[in-house]
Amino acid sequence: NVKTSASLEELLEADAWARKEVKRKVHKSIRA
């Protein structure tokens, strides 16, 4: 199912972005 794989890729992309954002925020708070 093309639709399912597309949404799965979107979820993975969103997850990867969220992880990057969390790392960035944690890094900032550690340095602060």
N, C-alpha and C. Protein backbone atom coordinates (compact mmCIF):
# COMPACT_ATOMS: atom_id res chain seq x y z
N ASN A 1 0.84 -1.20 0.00
CA ASN A 1 0.00 0.00 0.00
C ASN A 1 0.89 1.26 0.00
N VAL A 2 0.80 2.01 -1.08
CA VAL A 2 1.65 3.19 -1.24
C VAL A 2 1.35 4.22 -0.16
N LYS A 3 0.06 4.40 0.14
CA LYS A 3 -0.33 5.41 1.12
C LYS A 3 0.27 5.09 2.49
N THR A 4 0.24 3.82 2.87
CA THR A 4 0.76 3.43 4.17
C THR A 4 2.26 3.69 4.26
N SER A 5 3.00 3.29 3.22
CA SER A 5 4.46 3.48 3.26
C SER A 5 4.81 4.96 3.27
N ALA A 6 4.01 5.77 2.59
CA ALA A 6 4.28 7.21 2.55
C ALA A 6 4.09 7.82 3.94
N SER A 7 3.00 7.44 4.60
CA SER A 7 2.75 8.00 5.93
C SER A 7 3.78 7.47 6.93
N LEU A 8 4.23 6.24 6.71
CA LEU A 8 5.25 5.67 7.59
C LEU A 8 6.55 6.46 7.45
N GLU A 9 6.90 6.79 6.23
CA GLU A 9 8.11 7.59 6.00
C GLU A 9 7.96 8.96 6.65
N GLU A 10 6.77 9.53 6.56
CA GLU A 10 6.53 10.84 7.19
C GLU A 10 6.70 10.75 8.69
N LEU A 11 6.19 9.65 9.27
CA LEU A 11 6.32 9.48 10.72
C LEU A 11 7.78 9.36 11.11
N LEU A 12 8.54 8.58 10.35
CA LEU A 12 9.96 8.40 10.65
C LEU A 12 10.69 9.73 10.54
N GLU A 13 10.32 10.50 9.52
CA GLU A 13 10.96 11.80 9.32
C GLU A 13 10.63 12.74 10.48
N ALA A 14 9.37 12.74 10.89
CA ALA A 14 8.95 13.59 12.00
C ALA A 14 9.65 13.15 13.29
N ASP A 15 9.81 11.84 13.46
CA ASP A 15 10.47 11.32 14.65
C ASP A 15 11.93 11.74 14.67
N ALA A 16 12.59 11.62 13.52
CA ALA A 16 14.00 12.01 13.44
C ALA A 16 14.15 13.51 13.73
N TRP A 17 13.22 14.31 13.20
CA TRP A 17 13.29 15.76 13.43
C TRP A 17 13.07 16.07 14.90
N ALA A 18 12.12 15.38 15.52
CA ALA A 18 11.83 15.61 16.94
C ALA A 18 13.04 15.28 17.79
N ARG A 19 13.72 14.17 17.45
CA ARG A 19 14.91 13.78 18.20
C ARG A 19 16.00 14.85 18.08
N LYS A 20 16.16 15.39 16.88
CA LYS A 20 17.17 16.44 16.67
C LYS A 20 16.82 17.67 17.50
N GLU A 21 15.53 18.03 17.50
CA GLU A 21 15.09 19.20 18.26
C GLU A 21 15.36 19.00 19.75
N VAL A 22 15.06 17.81 20.26
CA VAL A 22 15.27 17.52 21.68
C VAL A 22 16.76 17.62 22.00
N LYS A 23 17.59 17.04 21.15
CA LYS A 23 19.04 17.09 21.38
C LYS A 23 19.53 18.53 21.39
N ARG A 24 19.00 19.34 20.47
CA ARG A 24 19.40 20.74 20.37
C ARG A 24 19.01 21.49 21.64
N LYS A 25 17.78 21.26 22.12
CA LYS A 25 17.31 21.94 23.32
C LYS A 25 18.10 21.50 24.55
N VAL A 26 18.37 20.20 24.64
CA VAL A 26 19.14 19.68 25.78
C VAL A 26 20.54 20.28 25.76
N HIS A 27 21.12 20.33 24.57
CA HIS A 27 22.47 20.88 24.43
C HIS A 27 22.50 22.34 24.89
N LYS A 28 21.47 23.10 24.51
CA LYS A 28 21.39 24.50 24.91
C LYS A 28 21.27 24.63 26.42
N SER A 29 20.41 23.80 27.03
CA SER A 29 20.20 23.92 28.47
C SER A 29 21.44 23.49 29.24
N ILE A 30 22.20 22.54 28.70
CA ILE A 30 23.43 22.11 29.36
C ILE A 30 24.45 23.25 29.32
N ARG A 31 24.55 23.92 28.18
CA ARG A 31 25.53 25.00 28.03
C ARG A 31 25.12 26.24 28.81
N ALA A 32 23.82 26.43 28.99
CA ALA A 32 23.33 27.64 29.65
C ALA A 32 23.74 27.70 31.12
